[in-house]
Amino acid sequence: MTRDGYVARWRGREYQASPDGTDVRLYQPEPGEGFTEVRPGRHVRVVPVAEVEDLVYVRTTCTWQGQPFIVLAEHDGWLRVEYTGGRWPVAQKMGLEAFDFGVYQGWAPANEVTDLREQRV
């Protein structure tokens, strides 16, 4: 599973998280004490940031066709990737979509991706 977003450690466990001023919203797929279901498979609990042991941004990076990417999502053996090399001719040659100015994304077959690793920023 690839991760791209905030992760908080609270009471010795890691959660998907979202900072919110002096609070942090913690998310988990299953019900739990103090967690409220916001939709099926997604439960949230708000805790003071002072109670959180660690709060970091985690992103998954990889190499595809020799170029650097961030992994945004995965689906059925494909990875949604965003090119971080910043060179339009390379992005164009790879057939990536211009998602925004200077931002190029595409779908890469997971079996063609190498150097898949998590980075804490």
N, C-alpha and C. Protein backbone atom coordinates (compact mmCIF):
# COMPACT_ATOMS: atom_id res chain seq x y z
N MET A 1 0.83 -1.19 0.00
CA MET A 1 0.00 0.00 0.00
C MET A 1 0.88 1.25 0.00
N THR A 2 0.56 2.18 -0.85
CA THR A 2 1.33 3.41 -0.92
C THR A 2 0.65 4.47 -0.07
N ARG A 3 1.47 5.35 0.50
CA ARG A 3 0.92 6.40 1.33
C ARG A 3 1.38 7.75 0.80
N ASP A 4 0.47 8.71 0.85
CA ASP A 4 0.77 10.08 0.49
C ASP A 4 -0.13 10.95 1.36
N GLY A 5 0.42 11.47 2.44
CA GLY A 5 -0.37 12.28 3.34
C GLY A 5 0.21 12.27 4.74
N TYR A 6 -0.49 12.92 5.65
CA TYR A 6 -0.02 12.99 7.03
C TYR A 6 -0.23 11.67 7.76
N VAL A 7 0.71 11.36 8.63
CA VAL A 7 0.63 10.20 9.51
C VAL A 7 0.96 10.68 10.91
N ALA A 8 0.12 10.29 11.87
CA ALA A 8 0.35 10.66 13.27
C ALA A 8 0.54 9.41 14.10
N ARG A 9 1.43 9.49 15.07
CA ARG A 9 1.58 8.41 16.05
C ARG A 9 0.90 8.89 17.32
N TRP A 10 -0.08 8.12 17.76
CA TRP A 10 -0.84 8.45 18.96
C TRP A 10 -1.02 7.19 19.77
N ARG A 11 -0.64 7.23 21.04
CA ARG A 11 -0.72 6.06 21.93
C ARG A 11 -0.04 4.84 21.30
N GLY A 12 1.11 5.09 20.66
CA GLY A 12 1.93 4.01 20.13
C GLY A 12 1.48 3.41 18.81
N ARG A 13 0.45 4.00 18.19
CA ARG A 13 -0.03 3.46 16.92
C ARG A 13 -0.04 4.56 15.86
N GLU A 14 0.22 4.19 14.60
CA GLU A 14 0.18 5.16 13.50
C GLU A 14 -1.20 5.20 12.87
N TYR A 15 -1.63 6.42 12.55
CA TYR A 15 -2.92 6.66 11.91
C TYR A 15 -2.74 7.59 10.73
N GLN A 16 -3.61 7.45 9.72
CA GLN A 16 -3.73 8.51 8.73
C GLN A 16 -4.20 9.71 9.53
N ALA A 17 -3.73 10.90 9.18
CA ALA A 17 -4.06 12.05 10.00
C ALA A 17 -4.26 13.30 9.16
N SER A 18 -4.86 14.29 9.81
CA SER A 18 -5.06 15.58 9.18
C SER A 18 -4.94 16.65 10.26
N PRO A 19 -3.90 17.50 10.19
CA PRO A 19 -3.76 18.56 11.18
C PRO A 19 -4.91 19.56 11.03
N ASP A 20 -5.38 20.08 12.15
CA ASP A 20 -6.48 21.04 12.15
C ASP A 20 -6.26 22.02 13.30
N GLY A 21 -5.38 23.00 13.08
CA GLY A 21 -5.07 23.99 14.12
C GLY A 21 -4.39 23.33 15.30
N THR A 22 -5.01 23.40 16.49
CA THR A 22 -4.42 22.81 17.69
C THR A 22 -4.85 21.35 17.87
N ASP A 23 -5.60 20.82 16.92
CA ASP A 23 -6.05 19.43 16.96
C ASP A 23 -5.49 18.65 15.77
N VAL A 24 -5.61 17.34 15.89
CA VAL A 24 -5.25 16.45 14.79
C VAL A 24 -6.40 15.46 14.64
N ARG A 25 -6.88 15.29 13.41
CA ARG A 25 -7.90 14.29 13.13
C ARG A 25 -7.19 12.98 12.78
N LEU A 26 -7.53 11.92 13.51
CA LEU A 26 -6.97 10.60 13.26
C LEU A 26 -8.02 9.76 12.54
N TYR A 27 -7.59 8.96 11.57
CA TYR A 27 -8.52 8.14 10.79
C TYR A 27 -8.11 6.68 10.89
N GLN A 28 -9.13 5.81 10.93
CA GLN A 28 -8.89 4.37 10.86
C GLN A 28 -10.08 3.72 10.16
N PRO A 29 -9.86 2.54 9.56
CA PRO A 29 -10.94 1.89 8.81
C PRO A 29 -11.99 1.22 9.70
N GLU A 30 -11.60 0.83 10.91
CA GLU A 30 -12.53 0.09 11.77
C GLU A 30 -13.05 0.98 12.91
N PRO A 31 -14.19 0.62 13.51
CA PRO A 31 -14.70 1.36 14.66
C PRO A 31 -13.71 1.26 15.82
N GLY A 32 -13.74 2.23 16.71
CA GLY A 32 -12.88 2.19 17.89
C GLY A 32 -13.37 3.18 18.92
N GLU A 33 -12.89 3.04 20.15
CA GLU A 33 -13.31 3.91 21.23
C GLU A 33 -12.96 5.37 20.91
N GLY A 34 -13.99 6.21 20.94
CA GLY A 34 -13.77 7.64 20.66
C GLY A 34 -13.77 7.98 19.18
N PHE A 35 -13.89 6.98 18.30
CA PHE A 35 -13.91 7.22 16.86
C PHE A 35 -15.36 7.26 16.38
N THR A 36 -15.64 8.18 15.48
CA THR A 36 -16.97 8.35 14.90
C THR A 36 -16.93 7.96 13.44
N GLU A 37 -17.91 7.19 13.00
CA GLU A 37 -17.95 6.78 11.59
C GLU A 37 -18.38 7.97 10.73
N VAL A 38 -17.54 8.34 9.77
CA VAL A 38 -17.88 9.44 8.85
C VAL A 38 -18.41 8.89 7.54
N ARG A 39 -18.05 7.67 7.22
CA ARG A 39 -18.61 6.92 6.10
C ARG A 39 -18.17 5.48 6.29
N PRO A 40 -18.80 4.53 5.63
CA PRO A 40 -18.40 3.13 5.83
C PRO A 40 -16.90 2.94 5.60
N GLY A 41 -16.23 2.32 6.57
CA GLY A 41 -14.80 2.06 6.45
C GLY A 41 -13.92 3.25 6.78
N ARG A 42 -14.50 4.32 7.32
CA ARG A 42 -13.70 5.51 7.66
C ARG A 42 -14.23 6.09 8.98
N HIS A 43 -13.38 6.04 10.00
CA HIS A 43 -13.75 6.53 11.33
C HIS A 43 -12.74 7.58 11.76
N VAL A 44 -13.21 8.63 12.43
CA VAL A 44 -12.35 9.75 12.81
C VAL A 44 -12.42 10.00 14.31
N ARG A 45 -11.30 10.42 14.86
CA ARG A 45 -11.25 10.88 16.25
C ARG A 45 -10.36 12.12 16.26
N VAL A 46 -10.83 13.17 16.94
CA VAL A 46 -10.06 14.41 17.05
C VAL A 46 -9.35 14.42 18.40
N VAL A 47 -8.03 14.63 18.37
CA VAL A 47 -7.24 14.69 19.60
C VAL A 47 -6.41 15.97 19.59
N PRO A 48 -6.06 16.51 20.77
CA PRO A 48 -5.19 17.69 20.81
C PRO A 48 -3.81 17.34 20.25
N VAL A 49 -3.23 18.27 19.51
CA VAL A 49 -1.92 18.03 18.90
C VAL A 49 -0.88 17.70 19.98
N ALA A 50 -1.06 18.23 21.19
CA ALA A 50 -0.12 17.97 22.28
C ALA A 50 -0.09 16.49 22.68
N GLU A 51 -1.16 15.73 22.39
CA GLU A 51 -1.21 14.30 22.74
C GLU A 51 -0.55 13.43 21.67
N VAL A 52 -0.27 14.00 20.51
CA VAL A 52 0.29 13.24 19.39
C VAL A 52 1.80 13.12 19.57
N GLU A 53 2.30 11.88 19.49
CA GLU A 53 3.73 11.63 19.69
C GLU A 53 4.57 12.06 18.48
N ASP A 54 3.98 11.98 17.29
CA ASP A 54 4.71 12.30 16.06
C ASP A 54 3.71 12.64 14.98
N LEU A 55 4.02 13.63 14.17
CA LEU A 55 3.16 14.00 13.05
C LEU A 55 4.08 14.33 11.88
N VAL A 56 4.02 13.51 10.83
CA VAL A 56 4.90 13.71 9.67
C VAL A 56 4.09 13.56 8.39
N TYR A 57 4.65 14.11 7.31
CA TYR A 57 4.06 13.91 5.99
C TYR A 57 4.83 12.78 5.33
N VAL A 58 4.10 11.77 4.88
CA VAL A 58 4.72 10.61 4.24
C VAL A 58 4.33 10.60 2.77
N ARG A 59 5.32 10.39 1.93
CA ARG A 59 5.02 10.23 0.51
C ARG A 59 5.81 9.04 -0.01
N THR A 60 5.25 8.39 -1.02
CA THR A 60 5.91 7.24 -1.62
C THR A 60 6.52 7.69 -2.94
N THR A 61 7.80 7.41 -3.12
CA THR A 61 8.50 7.79 -4.35
C THR A 61 8.88 6.52 -5.12
N CYS A 62 9.17 6.72 -6.40
CA CYS A 62 9.60 5.59 -7.23
C CYS A 62 10.34 6.11 -8.45
N THR A 63 10.86 5.16 -9.21
CA THR A 63 11.49 5.46 -10.50
C THR A 63 10.71 4.69 -11.55
N TRP A 64 10.37 5.38 -12.65
CA TRP A 64 9.70 4.73 -13.78
C TRP A 64 10.38 5.22 -15.05
N GLN A 65 10.80 4.29 -15.87
CA GLN A 65 11.52 4.59 -17.11
C GLN A 65 12.70 5.52 -16.84
N GLY A 66 13.36 5.29 -15.70
CA GLY A 66 14.56 6.06 -15.36
C GLY A 66 14.29 7.45 -14.82
N GLN A 67 13.02 7.80 -14.60
CA GLN A 67 12.66 9.15 -14.14
C GLN A 67 12.06 9.10 -12.74
N PRO A 68 12.20 10.20 -11.96
CA PRO A 68 11.68 10.23 -10.59
C PRO A 68 10.19 10.60 -10.53
N PHE A 69 9.46 9.89 -9.66
CA PHE A 69 8.02 10.13 -9.51
C PHE A 69 7.62 10.03 -8.05
N ILE A 70 6.47 10.64 -7.74
CA ILE A 70 5.76 10.43 -6.49
C ILE A 70 4.57 9.54 -6.83
N VAL A 71 4.27 8.57 -5.98
CA VAL A 71 3.11 7.71 -6.18
C VAL A 71 1.92 8.31 -5.44
N LEU A 72 0.86 8.59 -6.18
CA LEU A 72 -0.34 9.22 -5.60
C LEU A 72 -1.40 8.20 -5.22
N ALA A 73 -1.50 7.11 -5.98
CA ALA A 73 -2.54 6.12 -5.75
C ALA A 73 -2.17 4.83 -6.47
N GLU A 74 -2.92 3.78 -6.17
CA GLU A 74 -2.74 2.51 -6.89
C GLU A 74 -4.09 1.90 -7.16
N HIS A 75 -4.19 1.20 -8.31
CA HIS A 75 -5.46 0.58 -8.69
C HIS A 75 -5.21 -0.53 -9.69
N ASP A 76 -5.62 -1.74 -9.35
CA ASP A 76 -5.56 -2.90 -10.27
C ASP A 76 -4.22 -3.06 -10.99
N GLY A 77 -3.12 -3.02 -10.26
CA GLY A 77 -1.81 -3.23 -10.89
C GLY A 77 -1.22 -2.01 -11.56
N TRP A 78 -1.85 -0.86 -11.39
CA TRP A 78 -1.36 0.40 -11.94
C TRP A 78 -1.10 1.39 -10.81
N LEU A 79 -0.14 2.27 -11.01
CA LEU A 79 0.15 3.32 -10.04
C LEU A 79 -0.10 4.68 -10.68
N ARG A 80 -0.82 5.54 -9.98
CA ARG A 80 -0.99 6.94 -10.43
C ARG A 80 0.25 7.67 -9.95
N VAL A 81 1.02 8.19 -10.88
CA VAL A 81 2.30 8.81 -10.53
C VAL A 81 2.37 10.25 -11.01
N GLU A 82 3.18 11.02 -10.29
CA GLU A 82 3.43 12.42 -10.65
C GLU A 82 4.92 12.60 -10.85
N TYR A 83 5.28 13.09 -12.01
CA TYR A 83 6.68 13.28 -12.39
C TYR A 83 7.30 14.42 -11.58
N THR A 84 8.47 14.18 -10.99
CA THR A 84 9.12 15.22 -10.18
C THR A 84 10.41 15.73 -10.82
N GLY A 85 10.67 15.33 -12.06
CA GLY A 85 11.89 15.76 -12.74
C GLY A 85 11.81 17.16 -13.31
N GLY A 86 10.59 17.68 -13.50
CA GLY A 86 10.43 19.07 -13.93
C GLY A 86 10.80 19.38 -15.37
N ARG A 87 10.98 18.39 -16.20
CA ARG A 87 11.38 18.66 -17.59
C ARG A 87 10.24 18.30 -18.55
N TRP A 88 9.62 19.33 -19.13
CA TRP A 88 8.48 19.15 -20.03
C TRP A 88 8.78 18.20 -21.18
N PRO A 89 9.94 18.29 -21.88
CA PRO A 89 10.17 17.37 -22.99
C PRO A 89 10.15 15.90 -22.55
N VAL A 90 10.66 15.62 -21.36
CA VAL A 90 10.65 14.25 -20.84
C VAL A 90 9.22 13.82 -20.56
N ALA A 91 8.45 14.68 -19.88
CA ALA A 91 7.06 14.38 -19.55
C ALA A 91 6.25 14.14 -20.83
N GLN A 92 6.48 14.97 -21.83
CA GLN A 92 5.76 14.85 -23.10
C GLN A 92 6.10 13.54 -23.80
N LYS A 93 7.39 13.20 -23.82
CA LYS A 93 7.85 11.97 -24.46
C LYS A 93 7.25 10.73 -23.78
N MET A 94 7.04 10.82 -22.44
CA MET A 94 6.48 9.70 -21.69
C MET A 94 4.96 9.63 -21.80
N GLY A 95 4.35 10.64 -22.44
CA GLY A 95 2.91 10.65 -22.63
C GLY A 95 2.13 11.02 -21.37
N LEU A 96 2.77 11.80 -20.48
CA LEU A 96 2.11 12.21 -19.24
C LEU A 96 1.13 13.35 -19.51
N GLU A 97 0.10 13.44 -18.68
CA GLU A 97 -0.88 14.53 -18.80
C GLU A 97 -0.36 15.74 -18.04
N ALA A 98 -0.58 16.93 -18.61
CA ALA A 98 -0.29 18.16 -17.88
C ALA A 98 -1.46 18.38 -16.93
N PHE A 99 -1.27 18.06 -15.67
CA PHE A 99 -2.33 18.14 -14.67
C PHE A 99 -2.53 19.59 -14.21
N ASP A 100 -1.45 20.33 -14.16
CA ASP A 100 -1.43 21.74 -13.77
C ASP A 100 -0.15 22.30 -14.36
N PHE A 101 0.09 23.59 -14.21
CA PHE A 101 1.32 24.17 -14.75
C PHE A 101 2.53 23.51 -14.10
N GLY A 102 3.35 22.84 -14.89
CA GLY A 102 4.55 22.18 -14.38
C GLY A 102 4.30 20.88 -13.63
N VAL A 103 3.07 20.40 -13.63
CA VAL A 103 2.72 19.16 -12.92
C VAL A 103 2.25 18.14 -13.95
N TYR A 104 2.97 17.02 -14.04
CA TYR A 104 2.66 16.00 -15.04
C TYR A 104 2.37 14.67 -14.35
N GLN A 105 1.25 14.06 -14.71
CA GLN A 105 0.84 12.81 -14.09
C GLN A 105 0.48 11.77 -15.14
N GLY A 106 0.48 10.52 -14.70
CA GLY A 106 0.09 9.43 -15.58
C GLY A 106 -0.11 8.16 -14.79
N TRP A 107 -0.48 7.10 -15.50
CA TRP A 107 -0.64 5.77 -14.90
C TRP A 107 0.52 4.90 -15.36
N ALA A 108 1.23 4.30 -14.41
CA ALA A 108 2.36 3.43 -14.71
C ALA A 108 2.02 2.01 -14.30
N PRO A 109 2.33 1.01 -15.15
CA PRO A 109 2.14 -0.37 -14.72
C PRO A 109 3.04 -0.64 -13.50
N ALA A 110 2.45 -1.13 -12.42
CA ALA A 110 3.20 -1.34 -11.17
C ALA A 110 4.44 -2.20 -11.37
N ASN A 111 4.38 -3.15 -12.31
CA ASN A 111 5.53 -4.04 -12.53
C ASN A 111 6.68 -3.36 -13.27
N GLU A 112 6.48 -2.14 -13.76
CA GLU A 112 7.55 -1.40 -14.44
C GLU A 112 8.23 -0.39 -13.50
N VAL A 113 7.67 -0.22 -12.31
CA VAL A 113 8.18 0.78 -11.37
C VAL A 113 9.26 0.16 -10.48
N THR A 114 10.32 0.92 -10.23
CA THR A 114 11.41 0.44 -9.36
C THR A 114 11.64 1.45 -8.23
N ASP A 115 12.49 1.09 -7.31
CA ASP A 115 12.89 1.97 -6.19
C ASP A 115 11.70 2.51 -5.41
N LEU A 116 10.67 1.70 -5.24
CA LEU A 116 9.48 2.13 -4.50
C LEU A 116 9.85 2.26 -3.03
N ARG A 117 9.74 3.49 -2.48
CA ARG A 117 10.07 3.67 -1.06
C ARG A 117 9.30 4.83 -0.44
N GLU A 118 9.12 4.70 0.86
CA GLU A 118 8.41 5.72 1.62
C GLU A 118 9.40 6.75 2.15
N GLN A 119 9.04 8.02 2.04
CA GLN A 119 9.87 9.08 2.58
C GLN A 119 9.06 9.92 3.52
N ARG A 120 9.65 10.27 4.65
CA ARG A 120 9.00 11.16 5.61
C ARG A 120 9.58 12.55 5.41
N VAL A 121 8.70 13.51 5.11
CA VAL A 121 9.16 14.87 4.83
C VAL A 121 8.72 15.83 5.90
